[in-house]
Amino acid sequence: MHVLVTGSKGFVGRNLCSVLHTIDTVQVSEFDCDNSLKELETNLKGVEVVFHLAGVNRPQNDEDFVTGNARLTEEICAMLQRLKKTPKIILASSIQAELDNPYGQSKLQAEQVLKGFAERTGSHCVVYRFKNLFGKWCKPNYNSVTATFCYNIAHSLPVTISDTDRSVELTYIDDVISALVNEIPKKEGTQKSGFTFAPALDSYCITLGELAGLITSFRESRETLILPMFDSQLVRALYATYLSYLEGEDFAYPLNIRTDERGSLAEVMKSNAFGQIFVSRTKPGITRGNHYHHTKTEKFMVVEGDAVIRFRQIDGTVVIEHRVSGTEFRVVDIPPGYTHHITNVGAGELVTLFWASEIFNPNHPDTIFLNVALSHENQ
């Protein structure tokens, strides 16, 4: 299947081409502003599907809206008629086509040009009226408030909001690309005809204040270690988008390491939904723990070294023992009501990954010290 993508270096085009190039049955031709109209016509000769994504959003003068949106669509349709080709055409339009502004009017004109082409030739033409799109590779300080917020916050630049209560509807780029890829006919010769509007894609409604606050929390999470609630698709998509605006040197960040005679410990991440994760390094022969919890639960996993984890029910006398090694990747659950400790029994340093079911609260630690050994001596 030969597919042409106009605007291939733009936000939607770049994301679409990155997926199309992974599909073995699809041959992709790309067209962007650095290509000539002659190259465009050459690509149209053997094309079966055209994703017409090229367009103008913020030109220096309003006349360029028509040139970049409606006129290019006219050129493509005229070329196809000269070539006597009727590929399926998918046009990227905007919900602003319903509004009375220069950009919206130019998008509406492009839709009308495509509709006329479909009526004259019987080609199958589909129009997507996109809402506010966001995702990786979107240009900041251009036409996407999400991209601008992500870029500015990632680079410690100020964010200006004229109305924090103003709502916007956001559509994630991966949902757009999934819909566009599904427009490619599964079999040759099964193409429909006529002009249609694609169903509206899923979107998320959020105020500008909430959007800025959420993205700011992503940046602050490196200090607080508190992650947002990832049970929301919007949050997952926004977090992925935010990370895509970090500079390479900012991908890594340090943790606050606490060191004492036993070794070192660092909290890694926290969440009100799943608790917290931390990691420790323990010197040979050293024991950590000798405490119990009433409600809090934990999981221990040794990732390097050898250890023994011992338990005793707080009103019992039987000591339960589990030997663990970094070669096993074995998880040990820590039930409530059992005093417990972990001892490094290896010759080298012990590295352990811990999970706790709740974030540590110094005002309600739910941690009561009690030796596992009845003799009050470390075992």
Protein backbone atom coordinates (compact mmCIF):
# COMPACT_ATOMS: atom_id res chain seq x y z
CA MET A 1 0.00 0.00 0.00
CA HIS A 2 1.57 3.29 -1.16
CA VAL A 3 0.83 6.12 1.27
CA LEU A 4 1.70 9.80 0.96
CA VAL A 5 1.93 12.06 4.00
CA THR A 6 1.92 15.83 3.46
CA GLY A 7 3.23 17.90 6.34
CA SER A 8 5.40 14.92 7.22
CA LYS A 9 7.77 16.97 9.36
CA GLY A 10 5.01 18.60 11.37
CA PHE A 11 3.66 17.45 14.71
CA VAL A 12 1.02 15.03 13.46
CA GLY A 13 2.99 14.05 10.36
CA ARG A 14 6.13 13.15 12.26
CA ASN A 15 4.21 10.98 14.69
CA LEU A 16 2.26 9.33 11.88
CA CYS A 17 5.33 8.61 9.75
CA SER A 18 7.15 7.09 12.73
CA VAL A 19 4.36 4.49 12.95
CA LEU A 20 3.82 3.97 9.22
CA HIS A 21 7.51 3.20 8.70
CA THR A 22 7.13 0.20 11.02
CA ILE A 23 4.33 -1.38 8.94
CA ASP A 24 5.78 -3.81 6.41
CA THR A 25 2.83 -3.58 4.03
CA VAL A 26 3.01 0.22 3.75
CA GLN A 27 5.31 2.21 1.49
CA VAL A 28 5.58 5.79 2.72
CA SER A 29 6.31 8.91 0.68
CA GLU A 30 6.76 12.19 2.54
CA PHE A 31 6.09 15.77 1.48
CA ASP A 32 6.84 18.92 3.43
CA CYS A 33 7.58 22.59 2.88
CA ASP A 34 11.13 21.88 1.68
CA ASN A 35 9.80 19.75 -1.20
CA SER A 36 8.66 21.09 -4.57
CA LEU A 37 5.23 20.78 -6.15
CA LYS A 38 6.89 18.71 -8.87
CA GLU A 39 8.02 16.21 -6.23
CA LEU A 40 4.50 16.21 -4.84
CA GLU A 41 3.01 15.34 -8.23
CA THR A 42 5.58 12.59 -8.75
CA ASN A 43 4.62 11.02 -5.43
CA LEU A 44 0.92 11.23 -6.26
CA LYS A 45 1.32 9.08 -9.37
CA GLY A 46 1.34 5.75 -7.57
CA VAL A 47 -0.33 6.68 -4.32
CA GLU A 48 -3.34 4.83 -2.87
CA VAL A 49 -3.84 6.82 0.34
CA VAL A 50 -3.06 10.48 0.98
CA PHE A 51 -2.81 11.83 4.51
CA HIS A 52 -3.09 15.55 3.88
CA LEU A 53 -1.74 16.99 7.12
CA ALA A 54 0.16 20.01 5.77
CA GLY A 55 -1.23 23.36 6.80
CA VAL A 56 -0.55 26.79 8.24
CA ASN A 57 -1.40 27.75 11.81
CA ARG A 58 0.36 31.01 12.55
CA PRO A 59 1.42 32.83 9.37
CA GLN A 60 2.76 36.38 9.27
CA ASN A 61 -0.39 37.56 7.46
CA ASP A 62 -3.92 36.20 7.13
CA GLU A 63 -3.58 35.62 3.38
CA ASP A 64 -1.13 32.82 4.08
CA PHE A 65 -3.91 30.86 5.78
CA VAL A 66 -5.60 30.44 2.42
CA THR A 67 -2.34 29.67 0.62
CA GLY A 68 -1.18 27.08 3.16
CA ASN A 69 -4.53 25.41 3.82
CA ALA A 70 -7.02 25.81 0.95
CA ARG A 71 -4.67 26.38 -2.01
CA LEU A 72 -2.45 23.40 -1.32
CA THR A 73 -5.55 21.21 -1.11
CA GLU A 74 -6.63 22.61 -4.48
CA GLU A 75 -3.19 21.80 -5.93
CA ILE A 76 -3.36 18.21 -4.73
CA CYS A 77 -6.86 17.70 -6.12
CA ALA A 78 -5.91 19.28 -9.46
CA MET A 79 -2.82 17.07 -9.74
CA LEU A 80 -4.84 13.95 -8.99
CA GLN A 81 -7.41 14.86 -11.63
CA ARG A 82 -4.67 15.38 -14.21
CA LEU A 83 -3.20 12.03 -13.26
CA LYS A 84 -6.68 10.45 -13.25
CA LYS A 85 -6.02 9.09 -9.77
CA THR A 86 -8.65 8.69 -7.05
CA PRO A 87 -6.81 7.67 -3.88
CA LYS A 88 -8.40 7.80 -0.48
CA ILE A 89 -7.70 11.21 1.04
CA ILE A 90 -7.70 11.95 4.76
CA LEU A 91 -7.64 15.66 5.57
CA ALA A 92 -6.50 17.09 8.90
CA SER A 93 -8.90 19.94 9.65
CA SER A 94 -9.85 21.69 12.87
CA ILE A 95 -12.89 22.36 15.02
CA GLN A 96 -12.17 26.00 14.21
CA ALA A 97 -13.64 25.33 10.78
CA GLU A 98 -16.92 26.02 12.57
CA LEU A 99 -15.74 29.50 13.66
CA ASP A 100 -15.59 32.81 11.85
CA ASN A 101 -11.84 33.51 11.91
CA PRO A 102 -9.18 33.48 9.15
CA TYR A 103 -7.72 30.14 10.22
CA GLY A 104 -11.11 28.46 10.57
CA GLN A 105 -12.30 29.87 7.25
CA SER A 106 -9.22 28.51 5.45
CA LYS A 107 -9.79 25.07 6.96
CA LEU A 108 -13.44 25.15 5.91
CA GLN A 109 -12.38 26.10 2.37
CA ALA A 110 -10.00 23.12 2.29
CA GLU A 111 -12.85 20.83 3.37
CA GLN A 112 -15.08 22.23 0.62
CA VAL A 113 -12.37 21.72 -1.99
CA LEU A 114 -12.05 18.10 -0.92
CA LYS A 115 -15.79 17.61 -0.94
CA GLY A 116 -15.96 18.90 -4.51
CA PHE A 117 -13.18 16.54 -5.56
CA ALA A 118 -15.00 13.57 -4.02
CA GLU A 119 -18.22 14.50 -5.80
CA ARG A 120 -16.48 14.89 -9.17
CA THR A 121 -14.29 11.80 -9.03
CA GLY A 122 -15.92 9.37 -6.61
CA SER A 123 -12.82 9.36 -4.43
CA HIS A 124 -13.23 8.50 -0.76
CA CYS A 125 -12.40 11.62 1.25
CA VAL A 126 -12.46 11.78 5.06
CA VAL A 127 -12.13 14.92 7.17
CA TYR A 128 -10.94 14.94 10.78
CA ARG A 129 -11.79 18.07 12.72
CA PHE A 130 -9.17 17.91 15.45
CA LYS A 131 -9.43 19.62 18.81
CA ASN A 132 -6.41 20.82 20.82
CA LEU A 133 -3.78 18.17 20.16
CA PHE A 134 -0.89 17.37 22.47
CA GLY A 135 1.94 14.88 22.68
CA LYS A 136 5.63 14.46 21.95
CA TRP A 137 7.23 16.63 19.23
CA CYS A 138 4.58 19.35 19.33
CA LYS A 139 6.13 22.80 18.85
CA PRO A 140 5.95 24.99 21.98
CA ASN A 141 4.98 28.64 21.92
CA TYR A 142 3.19 28.07 18.63
CA ASN A 143 -0.37 26.76 18.67
CA SER A 144 -0.52 24.25 21.53
CA VAL A 145 -1.02 25.43 25.09
CA THR A 146 0.02 22.01 26.39
CA ALA A 147 3.30 22.08 24.48
CA THR A 148 4.01 25.60 25.74
CA PHE A 149 3.25 24.70 29.36
CA CYS A 150 5.37 21.53 29.17
CA TYR A 151 8.32 23.28 27.57
CA ASN A 152 8.29 26.29 29.86
CA ILE A 153 7.86 24.30 33.05
CA ALA A 154 10.53 21.78 32.01
CA HIS A 155 12.92 24.68 31.38
CA SER A 156 11.99 26.67 34.54
CA LEU A 157 10.37 29.40 32.45
CA PRO A 158 7.28 31.32 33.60
CA VAL A 159 3.79 30.28 32.50
CA THR A 160 1.27 33.02 31.78
CA ILE A 161 -2.45 32.26 32.07
CA SER A 162 -5.02 34.97 31.39
CA ASP A 163 -7.95 32.89 32.67
CA THR A 164 -7.18 29.91 34.89
CA ASP A 165 -10.83 28.78 34.79
CA ARG A 166 -10.99 28.59 31.01
CA SER A 167 -11.60 25.00 29.87
CA VAL A 168 -9.87 23.34 26.93
CA GLU A 169 -10.53 19.99 25.28
CA LEU A 170 -7.37 18.01 24.61
CA THR A 171 -6.83 15.07 22.27
CA TYR A 172 -3.70 12.93 22.64
CA ILE A 173 -1.53 12.39 19.60
CA ASP A 174 -1.44 8.58 20.00
CA ASP A 175 -5.24 8.48 19.70
CA VAL A 176 -4.99 10.59 16.54
CA ILE A 177 -2.36 8.34 14.99
CA SER A 178 -4.30 5.19 15.85
CA ALA A 179 -7.37 6.59 14.08
CA LEU A 180 -5.36 7.69 11.03
CA VAL A 181 -3.60 4.35 10.64
CA ASN A 182 -6.98 2.62 10.77
CA GLU A 183 -8.01 4.67 7.73
CA ILE A 184 -5.65 2.63 5.54
CA PRO A 185 -7.73 0.00 3.69
CA LYS A 186 -6.97 -3.51 4.87
CA LYS A 187 -7.29 -4.92 1.36
CA GLU A 188 -6.79 -3.43 -2.08
CA GLY A 189 -9.94 -2.88 -4.07
CA THR A 190 -12.13 -2.39 -0.98
CA GLN A 191 -12.08 1.42 -1.08
CA LYS A 192 -15.34 3.26 -0.52
CA SER A 193 -16.39 6.49 -2.23
CA GLY A 194 -17.82 9.81 -1.14
CA PHE A 195 -17.10 12.60 1.33
CA THR A 196 -17.45 12.01 5.08
CA PHE A 197 -16.49 13.50 8.42
CA ALA A 198 -14.70 11.15 10.79
CA PRO A 199 -16.26 10.68 14.24
CA ALA A 200 -14.87 13.02 16.88
CA LEU A 201 -11.91 11.49 18.70
CA ASP A 202 -11.79 11.08 22.47
CA SER A 203 -10.83 14.25 24.28
CA TYR A 204 -10.18 15.39 27.84
CA CYS A 205 -11.68 18.55 29.35
CA ILE A 206 -9.44 20.45 31.77
CA THR A 207 -9.05 24.05 32.88
CA LEU A 208 -5.87 25.95 32.08
CA GLY A 209 -5.19 26.30 35.80
CA GLU A 210 -5.53 22.57 36.35
CA LEU A 211 -3.36 21.84 33.32
CA ALA A 212 -0.55 24.11 34.49
CA GLY A 213 -0.81 22.77 38.05
CA LEU A 214 -0.64 19.16 36.93
CA ILE A 215 2.39 19.72 34.71
CA THR A 216 4.08 21.69 37.48
CA SER A 217 3.54 18.71 39.81
CA PHE A 218 5.49 16.55 37.35
CA ARG A 219 8.50 18.81 37.73
CA GLU A 220 8.11 19.00 41.51
CA SER A 221 7.91 15.20 41.78
CA ARG A 222 11.68 15.04 41.46
CA GLU A 223 11.90 16.84 44.79
CA THR A 224 8.83 15.49 46.57
CA LEU A 225 9.15 12.04 44.90
CA ILE A 226 5.32 12.01 44.85
CA LEU A 227 3.98 10.79 41.52
CA PRO A 228 0.55 11.77 40.21
CA MET A 229 -2.37 9.36 39.99
CA PHE A 230 -1.58 7.31 36.89
CA ASP A 231 -5.02 5.68 36.87
CA SER A 232 -6.06 8.50 34.51
CA GLN A 233 -5.19 8.19 30.82
CA LEU A 234 -4.95 11.98 30.61
CA VAL A 235 -2.35 12.07 33.38
CA ARG A 236 -0.33 9.27 31.78
CA ALA A 237 -0.41 11.03 28.42
CA LEU A 238 0.47 14.43 29.89
CA TYR A 239 3.34 12.97 31.94
CA ALA A 240 4.79 11.29 28.84
CA THR A 241 4.40 14.55 26.94
CA TYR A 242 6.11 16.55 29.69
CA LEU A 243 9.12 14.21 29.79
CA SER A 244 9.55 14.59 26.01
CA TYR A 245 10.40 18.28 26.54
CA LEU A 246 13.32 17.63 28.89
CA GLU A 247 16.81 18.27 27.61
CA GLY A 248 19.09 15.25 27.46
CA GLU A 249 21.20 16.35 30.40
CA ASP A 250 18.04 16.61 32.49
CA PHE A 251 16.91 13.00 31.99
CA ALA A 252 18.73 11.93 35.19
CA TYR A 253 18.33 13.39 38.67
CA PRO A 254 19.86 12.58 42.08
CA LEU A 255 18.11 11.17 45.12
CA ASN A 256 18.56 12.24 48.72
CA ILE A 257 20.83 9.56 50.21
CA ARG A 258 20.82 9.00 53.97
CA THR A 259 23.98 7.38 55.30
CA ASP A 260 24.86 5.92 58.70
CA GLU A 261 27.06 3.17 60.13
CA ARG A 262 24.78 0.49 58.61
CA GLY A 263 25.08 1.75 55.02
CA SER A 264 22.83 4.03 53.00
CA LEU A 265 19.17 4.41 52.03
CA ALA A 266 17.26 6.50 49.49
CA GLU A 267 13.57 6.96 48.77
CA VAL A 268 12.85 6.53 45.04
CA MET A 269 9.19 7.39 44.51
CA LYS A 270 5.96 7.86 46.41
CA SER A 271 2.26 7.86 45.62
CA ASN A 272 -0.88 8.20 47.68
CA ALA A 273 -2.25 5.38 45.53
CA PHE A 274 0.50 2.77 45.88
CA GLY A 275 2.74 3.88 48.76
CA GLN A 276 6.46 4.29 48.31
CA ILE A 277 9.57 2.56 47.00
CA PHE A 278 13.04 2.92 48.48
CA VAL A 279 16.40 1.20 48.17
CA SER A 280 19.19 0.50 50.65
CA ARG A 281 22.81 -0.59 50.74
CA THR A 282 23.75 -2.56 53.86
CA LYS A 283 27.26 -3.48 55.02
CA PRO A 284 28.22 -7.13 55.78
CA GLY A 285 26.95 -8.42 59.12
CA ILE A 286 24.56 -5.50 59.63
CA THR A 287 20.87 -5.94 60.50
CA ARG A 288 18.10 -3.52 59.55
CA GLY A 289 14.64 -3.54 61.08
CA ASN A 290 13.56 -5.13 64.35
CA HIS A 291 10.16 -3.45 64.21
CA TYR A 292 6.57 -4.24 63.27
CA HIS A 293 3.51 -2.50 61.80
CA HIS A 294 -0.19 -2.69 62.62
CA THR A 295 -1.52 -1.88 59.13
CA LYS A 296 1.39 -0.95 56.91
CA THR A 297 2.67 -3.79 54.75
CA GLU A 298 5.94 -4.08 52.88
CA LYS A 299 7.74 -6.11 50.25
CA PHE A 300 11.49 -6.81 50.29
CA MET A 301 13.52 -7.88 47.27
CA VAL A 302 17.29 -8.35 47.41
CA VAL A 303 18.89 -7.31 44.13
CA GLU A 304 22.53 -7.82 45.12
CA GLY A 305 24.15 -9.90 47.86
CA ASP A 306 22.84 -12.49 50.32
CA ALA A 307 20.51 -11.93 53.25
CA VAL A 308 18.30 -13.63 55.78
CA ILE A 309 14.91 -12.13 56.68
CA ARG A 310 13.46 -13.19 60.03
CA PHE A 311 9.94 -12.76 61.43
CA ARG A 312 8.28 -13.34 64.79
CA GLN A 313 4.65 -12.70 65.61
CA ILE A 314 4.75 -9.99 68.25
CA ASP A 315 3.08 -12.21 70.89
CA GLY A 316 4.69 -15.43 69.70
CA THR A 317 7.99 -17.28 70.14
CA VAL A 318 8.48 -18.98 66.76
CA VAL A 319 11.01 -17.27 64.47
CA ILE A 320 10.36 -17.65 60.73
CA GLU A 321 13.38 -17.39 58.45
CA HIS A 322 13.74 -16.76 54.72
CA ARG A 323 17.13 -16.77 53.03
CA VAL A 324 17.25 -14.62 49.89
CA SER A 325 19.85 -13.76 47.28
CA GLY A 326 20.23 -11.17 44.57
CA THR A 327 20.46 -13.99 42.04
CA GLU A 328 16.84 -15.02 42.71
CA PHE A 329 14.78 -11.82 42.36
CA ARG A 330 12.50 -13.25 45.03
CA VAL A 331 9.97 -11.04 46.80
CA VAL A 332 9.23 -11.46 50.50
CA ASP A 333 5.97 -10.05 51.93
CA ILE A 334 6.03 -8.41 55.35
CA PRO A 335 2.64 -8.96 57.08
CA PRO A 336 1.38 -6.70 59.88
CA GLY A 337 1.80 -7.90 63.46
CA TYR A 338 5.18 -9.56 62.76
CA THR A 339 8.37 -7.96 63.99
CA HIS A 340 11.00 -8.46 61.32
CA HIS A 341 14.54 -7.68 60.29
CA ILE A 342 16.91 -8.28 57.38
CA THR A 343 20.57 -9.19 57.90
CA ASN A 344 23.41 -9.08 55.39
CA VAL A 345 24.97 -12.56 55.64
CA GLY A 346 27.14 -12.19 52.55
CA ALA A 347 30.74 -11.11 52.14
CA GLY A 348 29.87 -7.98 50.17
CA GLU A 349 27.38 -5.15 50.24
CA LEU A 350 23.65 -6.00 50.31
CA VAL A 351 21.35 -4.00 48.00
CA THR A 352 17.63 -4.29 48.76
CA LEU A 353 14.57 -2.83 47.08
CA PHE A 354 11.67 -2.06 49.42
CA TRP A 355 8.02 -1.25 48.84
CA ALA A 356 5.70 0.08 51.57
CA SER A 357 1.93 0.25 51.18
CA GLU A 358 1.76 3.85 52.41
CA ILE A 359 3.93 6.95 52.40
CA PHE A 360 5.81 7.32 55.68
CA ASN A 361 4.04 9.76 57.98
CA PRO A 362 6.20 10.89 60.91
CA ASN A 363 3.04 11.87 62.83
CA HIS A 364 1.64 8.36 62.42
CA PRO A 365 4.61 6.12 61.52
CA ASP A 366 2.93 2.78 62.34
CA THR A 367 6.43 1.47 63.16
CA ILE A 368 6.97 -0.06 66.62
CA PHE A 369 10.43 -1.28 67.56
CA LEU A 370 10.66 -4.85 68.87
CA ASN A 371 13.56 -7.28 68.52
CA VAL A 372 12.87 -10.41 66.55
CA ALA A 373 15.16 -12.37 68.89
CA LEU A 374 13.58 -13.05 72.26
CA SER A 375 17.02 -12.77 73.82
CA HIS A 376 17.13 -9.14 72.57
CA GLU A 377 20.26 -10.00 70.64
CA ASN A 378 20.67 -9.81 66.87
CA GLN A 379 20.63 -13.16 65.15
